[in-house]
Amino acid sequence: MAAHHCRISQVAAVAMCNALVDLIDAGSPPGHIILYTGTEPTHANDAAGTEVATCTLNATAFSAASYNGTNHAAEATLTATATDAEATGNVAAVTYFRICNAAGTAILQGTCSATSGDDLVLTTAVIATNAEVNITDLTVAVPIDQA
């Protein structure tokens, strides 16, 4: 029987967040963030839409996770700017992203746009061909005490 109202502790959430970002950091070359246009797939393992840019991450892309009492989550933040110097570009707005490890395996996926409220906020959602894309801020969070 499945448990339907379980809650995790701060210690468990921090460990889970560290394990998640360690999957991104594993291997060589570094992992990457891929920006897409189109409808976000239901699952990160589903086929993706049209790629607009691929930003390379540093070898250790995220900080160690810590508990954020304000957000009630364990959080790990991007340690350095992820950059794509020559994006393929697209006339449609970027709508979602995936973070993949060195082998190209999708680790997580989320929404993005040029407005707050999405998982990843860009300075502009429409990226021109050969434009430089810089992702300067991204936080991976594992919520605590969520049912």
Protein backbone atom coordinates (compact mmCIF):
# COMPACT_ATOMS: atom_id res chain seq x y z
CA MET A 1 0.00 0.00 0.00
CA ALA A 2 1.32 3.46 -0.88
CA ALA A 3 1.68 6.16 1.76
CA HIS A 4 -0.35 9.20 0.77
CA HIS A 5 0.49 11.73 3.43
CA CYS A 6 4.22 11.34 4.12
CA ARG A 7 6.42 14.30 4.94
CA ILE A 8 10.20 14.46 4.75
CA SER A 9 12.55 16.03 7.26
CA GLN A 10 15.06 18.84 6.70
CA VAL A 11 17.90 16.30 6.82
CA ALA A 12 16.23 14.11 4.18
CA ALA A 13 15.42 17.07 1.91
CA VAL A 14 19.00 18.37 2.03
CA ALA A 15 20.34 14.88 1.22
CA MET A 16 17.87 14.52 -1.66
CA CYS A 17 18.76 17.93 -3.08
CA ASN A 18 22.50 17.15 -2.89
CA ALA A 19 21.93 13.79 -4.59
CA LEU A 20 19.95 15.50 -7.36
CA VAL A 21 22.59 18.12 -8.15
CA ASP A 22 25.35 15.47 -7.85
CA LEU A 23 23.66 13.65 -10.75
CA ILE A 24 24.07 16.82 -12.82
CA ASP A 25 27.73 17.24 -11.81
CA ALA A 26 28.67 13.59 -12.50
CA GLY A 27 30.88 12.79 -15.49
CA SER A 28 32.86 14.77 -17.98
CA PRO A 29 32.31 17.05 -19.88
CA PRO A 30 30.08 19.06 -17.54
CA GLY A 31 26.31 18.90 -17.65
CA HIS A 32 24.23 21.48 -19.49
CA ILE A 33 20.96 23.40 -19.49
CA ILE A 34 18.94 23.13 -22.69
CA LEU A 35 16.32 25.79 -23.45
CA TYR A 36 13.32 24.77 -25.58
CA THR A 37 10.31 26.33 -27.25
CA GLY A 38 6.98 24.53 -27.45
CA THR A 39 4.78 22.72 -24.98
CA GLU A 40 6.59 21.37 -21.94
CA PRO A 41 6.42 17.56 -21.94
CA THR A 42 4.67 15.89 -19.02
CA HIS A 43 7.83 14.06 -17.94
CA ALA A 44 11.53 14.92 -18.22
CA ASN A 45 12.10 11.61 -20.03
CA ASP A 46 9.57 12.40 -22.78
CA ALA A 47 10.68 13.66 -26.21
CA ALA A 48 11.61 17.35 -26.16
CA GLY A 49 10.50 20.19 -28.43
CA THR A 50 12.62 22.59 -30.47
CA GLU A 51 16.00 23.36 -28.91
CA VAL A 52 16.91 27.05 -28.81
CA ALA A 53 20.14 27.11 -26.77
CA THR A 54 22.41 24.80 -24.77
CA CYS A 55 24.29 26.39 -21.90
CA THR A 56 27.29 24.53 -20.50
CA LEU A 57 27.60 24.20 -16.74
CA ASN A 58 30.78 24.25 -14.65
CA ALA A 59 32.17 20.90 -13.48
CA THR A 60 30.63 21.56 -10.04
CA ALA A 61 27.54 23.43 -11.14
CA PHE A 62 25.64 23.77 -7.88
CA SER A 63 26.45 24.64 -4.29
CA ALA A 64 25.92 22.19 -1.47
CA ALA A 65 22.27 22.18 -0.45
CA SER A 66 21.12 23.91 2.69
CA TYR A 67 17.79 24.46 4.40
CA ASN A 68 15.89 27.66 3.57
CA GLY A 69 13.45 28.31 6.40
CA THR A 70 11.58 31.00 4.46
CA ASN A 71 10.78 28.69 1.54
CA HIS A 72 10.68 25.50 3.65
CA ALA A 73 12.95 23.76 1.17
CA ALA A 74 16.44 22.40 0.78
CA GLU A 75 18.11 24.49 -1.92
CA ALA A 76 21.25 24.33 -4.06
CA THR A 77 22.18 27.32 -6.24
CA LEU A 78 24.11 27.67 -9.49
CA THR A 79 27.76 28.43 -8.67
CA ALA A 80 28.75 30.13 -11.95
CA THR A 81 27.17 31.47 -15.14
CA ALA A 82 26.08 28.84 -17.67
CA THR A 83 26.72 30.14 -21.20
CA ASP A 84 25.91 29.36 -24.84
CA ALA A 85 27.92 31.71 -27.07
CA GLU A 86 25.99 30.90 -30.27
CA ALA A 87 22.37 29.90 -29.69
CA THR A 88 20.45 28.35 -32.57
CA GLY A 89 17.68 30.86 -31.89
CA ASN A 90 13.97 30.68 -32.67
CA VAL A 91 11.26 33.26 -33.31
CA ALA A 92 9.07 31.72 -30.61
CA ALA A 93 9.61 32.29 -26.91
CA VAL A 94 11.55 29.81 -24.79
CA THR A 95 9.02 28.01 -22.58
CA TYR A 96 10.90 25.28 -20.70
CA PHE A 97 14.33 23.89 -19.93
CA ARG A 98 16.04 20.63 -19.07
CA ILE A 99 19.20 20.07 -17.10
CA CYS A 100 21.15 17.07 -18.36
CA ASN A 101 24.28 15.35 -17.08
CA ALA A 102 27.48 14.85 -19.10
CA ALA A 103 25.98 11.80 -20.86
CA GLY A 104 22.97 13.84 -22.00
CA THR A 105 20.53 12.15 -19.60
CA ALA A 106 17.75 14.47 -18.46
CA ILE A 107 17.91 15.03 -14.70
CA LEU A 108 15.20 17.66 -14.26
CA GLN A 109 12.92 19.92 -16.25
CA GLY A 110 11.05 23.13 -15.52
CA THR A 111 9.35 26.19 -16.98
CA CYS A 112 11.12 29.35 -18.10
CA SER A 113 10.25 32.77 -19.45
CA ALA A 114 11.24 36.41 -19.05
CA THR A 115 8.79 36.94 -16.19
CA SER A 116 8.92 35.92 -12.55
CA GLY A 117 7.00 32.90 -11.40
CA ASP A 118 8.73 30.35 -13.60
CA ASP A 119 11.45 27.94 -12.48
CA LEU A 120 14.05 29.76 -14.62
CA VAL A 121 13.75 33.46 -15.46
CA LEU A 122 15.62 34.79 -18.51
CA THR A 123 16.31 38.43 -19.41
CA THR A 124 14.48 37.79 -22.68
CA ALA A 125 12.35 34.80 -23.68
CA VAL A 126 12.90 35.17 -27.44
CA ILE A 127 16.49 34.27 -28.27
CA ALA A 128 17.94 35.34 -31.61
CA THR A 129 20.16 33.14 -33.78
CA ASN A 130 23.83 33.34 -32.71
CA ALA A 131 22.87 35.28 -29.57
CA GLU A 132 24.85 34.73 -26.40
CA VAL A 133 22.74 33.26 -23.61
CA ASN A 134 23.87 33.52 -20.00
CA ILE A 135 22.05 31.85 -17.12
CA THR A 136 23.25 33.55 -13.96
CA ASP A 137 20.78 32.33 -11.35
CA LEU A 138 19.06 29.00 -10.85
CA THR A 139 18.07 27.25 -7.63
CA VAL A 140 17.17 23.58 -7.33
CA ALA A 141 14.80 23.05 -4.39
CA VAL A 142 13.36 20.01 -2.62
CA PRO A 143 10.33 21.00 -0.52
CA ILE A 144 10.06 19.97 3.10
CA ASP A 145 6.89 18.73 4.82
CA GLN A 146 4.90 18.52 1.61
CA ALA A 147 2.14 15.95 1.38
